[in-house]
Protein backbone atom coordinates (compact mmCIF):
# COMPACT_ATOMS: atom_id res chain seq x y z
CA MET A 1 9.86 -10.35 -14.37
CA SER A 2 11.00 -7.82 -17.14
CA ALA A 3 11.46 -8.96 -20.79
CA ALA A 4 15.15 -8.76 -20.36
CA GLY A 5 15.04 -11.03 -17.44
CA THR A 6 17.08 -8.89 -15.19
CA GLY A 7 14.52 -7.78 -12.56
CA ILE A 8 11.12 -6.54 -11.82
CA VAL A 9 10.32 -3.24 -13.23
CA VAL A 10 7.88 -1.20 -10.95
CA VAL A 11 5.93 2.03 -11.53
CA CYS A 12 5.24 3.86 -8.36
CA THR A 13 2.59 6.65 -8.09
CA PHE A 14 2.46 8.97 -5.12
CA ARG A 15 -0.41 11.24 -4.33
CA VAL A 16 1.35 14.00 -2.49
CA LYS A 17 -0.43 16.26 -0.09
CA GLU A 18 -0.72 20.01 -0.98
CA GLY A 19 2.38 21.93 0.27
CA ALA A 20 4.33 18.71 0.71
CA ASP A 21 6.24 18.82 -2.73
CA ALA A 22 9.54 20.04 -1.49
CA GLN A 23 9.78 17.30 1.43
CA PHE A 24 8.70 14.64 -0.92
CA GLU A 25 11.26 15.56 -3.51
CA GLU A 26 14.18 15.37 -1.06
CA LEU A 27 13.10 11.94 0.10
CA LEU A 28 12.60 10.71 -3.60
CA ALA A 29 15.97 12.06 -4.37
CA ARG A 30 17.62 9.65 -1.82
CA HIS A 31 15.24 6.76 -2.80
CA TRP A 32 16.90 5.01 -5.61
CA PRO A 33 20.42 5.96 -4.54
CA THR A 34 19.63 4.14 -1.17
CA LEU A 35 18.06 1.09 -2.86
CA ASN A 36 21.07 0.97 -5.12
CA GLU A 37 23.54 1.25 -2.46
CA LEU A 38 21.90 -1.61 -0.59
CA GLY A 39 22.05 -3.70 -3.58
CA LEU A 40 18.39 -4.05 -4.16
CA VAL A 41 17.90 -2.65 -7.61
CA THR A 42 19.29 -3.19 -11.06
CA ALA A 43 21.60 -0.69 -12.78
CA ARG A 44 18.70 0.34 -14.70
CA PRO A 45 18.54 4.15 -13.93
CA THR A 46 15.41 5.29 -12.22
CA GLN A 47 12.89 7.61 -14.01
CA LEU A 48 11.12 10.48 -12.21
CA PHE A 49 8.04 12.24 -13.07
CA LYS A 50 5.91 15.02 -11.65
CA GLY A 51 2.44 16.31 -12.61
CA ASP A 52 -1.10 17.13 -11.51
CA GLU A 53 -3.62 14.55 -11.43
CA LYS A 54 -6.92 14.95 -13.35
CA GLY A 55 -9.36 16.37 -10.81
CA GLY A 56 -6.52 18.08 -8.82
CA GLY A 57 -3.51 17.22 -6.65
CA ARG A 58 0.19 16.63 -7.31
CA VAL A 59 1.48 13.21 -8.37
CA PHE A 60 5.05 11.76 -8.37
CA ILE A 61 5.77 8.84 -10.33
CA GLU A 62 9.05 6.78 -10.04
CA VAL A 63 9.90 3.79 -12.40
CA PHE A 64 12.78 1.54 -11.32
CA GLU A 65 13.81 -1.97 -11.39
CA TRP A 66 13.95 -4.34 -8.36
CA LEU A 67 16.89 -6.80 -8.53
CA SER A 68 14.33 -9.57 -7.58
CA GLU A 69 11.21 -10.21 -5.65
CA ASP A 70 13.33 -11.19 -2.66
CA ALA A 71 15.04 -7.80 -2.88
CA SER A 72 11.66 -6.13 -2.85
CA ARG A 73 10.60 -8.02 0.30
CA ARG A 74 13.96 -7.37 1.94
CA ALA A 75 13.71 -3.64 1.51
CA HIS A 76 10.91 -3.66 4.19
CA GLU A 77 13.19 -5.08 6.70
CA LEU A 78 16.16 -2.38 6.23
CA GLN A 79 16.30 0.48 8.52
CA GLU A 80 17.83 2.52 5.74
CA VAL A 81 15.01 2.14 3.42
CA MET A 82 12.25 2.52 6.18
CA ALA A 83 13.93 5.74 7.04
CA ILE A 84 12.71 6.88 3.65
CA TRP A 85 9.57 5.09 3.21
CA GLU A 86 8.07 5.92 6.46
CA PRO A 87 8.30 9.82 6.10
CA MET A 88 7.06 9.43 2.49
CA GLY A 89 4.01 7.76 3.78
CA ALA A 90 3.17 10.90 6.03
CA LEU A 91 3.32 13.12 2.87
CA VAL A 92 0.83 11.24 0.71
CA GLU A 93 -3.05 11.14 0.72
CA MET A 94 -5.80 9.05 -0.55
CA ARG A 95 -7.86 10.88 -3.34
CA GLY A 96 -11.34 9.52 -3.70
CA THR A 97 -10.97 5.96 -4.41
CA LYS A 98 -7.16 6.17 -5.37
CA PRO A 99 -4.71 4.94 -2.80
CA PRO A 100 -2.09 7.28 -1.47
CA MET A 101 0.61 5.22 -3.03
CA ASP A 102 0.13 2.67 -5.99
CA PHE A 103 2.79 0.07 -7.03
CA ILE A 104 2.37 -1.53 -10.37
CA HIS A 105 4.73 -4.25 -11.42
CA VAL A 106 5.14 -4.18 -15.42
CA ASN A 107 6.98 -5.89 -18.26
CA ASP A 108 9.08 -4.21 -20.86
CA LEU A 109 6.97 -4.04 -24.04
CA ALA A 110 8.95 -4.21 -27.50
CA LEU A 111 6.61 -3.54 -30.40
């Protein structure tokens, strides 16, 4: 749970296959708006990043806040979400021991 107690912040890392950037970006552009439309995320805006991983390969990072643990589970049952997640899965790859996609739940840190 985030420090504000409003939801669950998740940092998503996607290791995108060479040549698949444009396709992945199209899906990523629809991702948070779809989750939001379905009432699965908080109003905290998504943050999107793109870069090159040390050792090679494109990485996309998305940070957003699930409304609740239940919302993150329900997402797997919704056709609108799976219509984005399934094609995303085809555009990512394993790199060494690093998984194609990585999802880390984090807490806000106020120092």
